[in-house]
Amino acid sequence: MIYIDNLKKELSTRTLFEIKNLTIGDDNKIGLIGDNGAGKTSFFKILIGQDTDYSGKIDVQIKIAHLLNDDEEEKFSHDNYVKAKLNKEEKFSPGEYQRLKLAKLLSNEQSFLLIDEPTSHLDIKQKKNLAESLRNRDKGYILISHDRDFINQTCDKIFELSHGELEVFNGDYTFYLDERVKRKKFAQKEYEGYVNEKKRLTGIVNDIKAQTLKVRTTPKRMGNSEARLHKMGGQGNKKKLDKQVKSVKSRIDQLEVKEKPKEEAEIKLTIDEKDKIFSKVLVRSEKLSKSFDDKVLFDNANFEIPNNKKIALLGDNGSGKTTLLNMIVDKEVWCHPNLKIGYYSQLSEIIDEKKTVLENVFESSIYDQTMTRIILARLGFKEDEVFKMVDVLSDGERAKVKLAKLVTSDFNFLIMDEPTNFLDIRAIEALEELLIGYDRPLLFVTHDVSFINNIADGLIIIKNKKLESFSGNLAQYQNRREKLKENKNSNDFLIEFRLTAINNRLASEIPKEEREELEAEYERLLKHRDNN
């Protein structure tokens, strides 16, 4: 168990986070989420004893193993290499090195794990295998991840660090999303109740003040002596009314102030009809072949990218996804002559470090400054933050500036290679909303399953050096494969049943003509079964 009591972590003059009371069970499987800079990694370092600069109490009663992004180079055992299916003598790619580190971490079967971005550099298949390994653990873990689908597969509790506080959600990520909506609705209801009650009490104050004015006013046709008596009698009433006003105002001051929940309007990023391409096909290639040294990536592969589609390019690590993107950008395949490609890559730099965030984006934006600033605000650059110089930004912030510049520029086709890397969940959700409202075609590579399902309406899958197309998102593609598999299994069962029946019949004394027909059917069924 891990017990936390009044934990407070401060950075310079601000409080990074404060956690009043928290108990973590040794079998809890927790997803820790929050914006970049919210303190997730700092929380991990406090739990493992690397950071002791905090106030409050932490009682760790279980052995902890960890994997942090800034860990020093590690030493690995022979067993680690075997489990990662790697040869110690070879040079490793980032994805292979991540598999090796995870193999070492998961060998700590009796430890509670702290894992920072475990899916970094892993493809969809590798993430699926990792999720299964984590689910099958007896001991628990806390993992930091921006991969919502992975969190949903592996975690039964969500911790969210936001605005310096840690909020607990007792369910998976789907539960967290539903609960977040409910809490937002509740906050809206509380705000409306606060506004209505304040309005009601203010109305009472105004009514009493109106009565006070009437007390002060001497009625017409009243003599001087009567007026003096009226004034004297009114003093008592006035005091009572003033007291009532003071009492109601006190009630207004004592009302718990409720902030209005922020509602963000949907953004539509459109271009003029004259700048659009109306051809049905934007990119096409037939009998595409590509290899590097002895490695063949594509062999007589065919594909096309239709207009007005948002296509996800899928494939295992090393299958040629980035190569294909670069071939399109460099026009090594047929592209429509009016295609203006905007390309997002972690390796290319499209922003000027000596300019501000707003200067970088607005100089190429086809939208006015108001819309440009709204888009930047959605991605996390609010108010004066747009005047930050790019050279002081983190990797995640730079990625958001590049993405903002891309979606606001004068392109009619976007290509994105791993756009969600370095982004926190809030920024990924914001990018999704922008791309859903983007009225031009898009081709992107990502291993973020939720991002694919929320954005894509088409897939291109690299498989066996060929390119397979599918109309729909990844969930629809997987559902179709399951149905085809079920149909095949059902069909195989019927074939085996019929083969057995024919065998039994052939073992009997039957006419020659029937035997020949059954033998021909038997051969036909065998051939059909073996070909499928």
Foldseek 3Di string as FASTA:
>chain_A
DKWWAFKWDDDDPGTLATEHTDDDDFQAAEEEAEFVSSCPVVVVCVQVVVDPPIDTDMDDPFAEDEDDPPDDDDDADPQLCVQLVHDPPDDDDPLSVLSSVVSVRLVPLRHEYEYEASCPPFFQVVLVVVLVSQQPGRTYYYYYHQQLVSQQSRHAKYWYRDPRYTDIDRGTSVSVVVVVVVVLVVLQVVQVVLVVLLVVLVVVLVVLVVVLVVQCDQDPPDDPVRSVVSVVVSVVVNVVSVVVSVVSVVVNVPDDHRDHDDDDDFDAQDDDPVLADDDQWFFWDAQDWDADDPGTQAGRATDTDTWQFAEEEHEGPPNQPVVVVVCVVVVVTPGPPSFFEDEADLPDAQADQAAFLLCRQVVFFPDDSVVLQSLLVQLPQDDCSRRDRNVVDDSLNSLSSSLSNRLRGSGQEYEYEASCPSGGNSNLVSSLSSLVSYRHYYYYYHSNQVSQQSHGQKYWYRDPNYTDIDGGGPVVVVVVVVVVVVVLVVVLVVLVVLLVVLVVVLVDDDDPVVVVVSVVVNVVSVVVNVVD
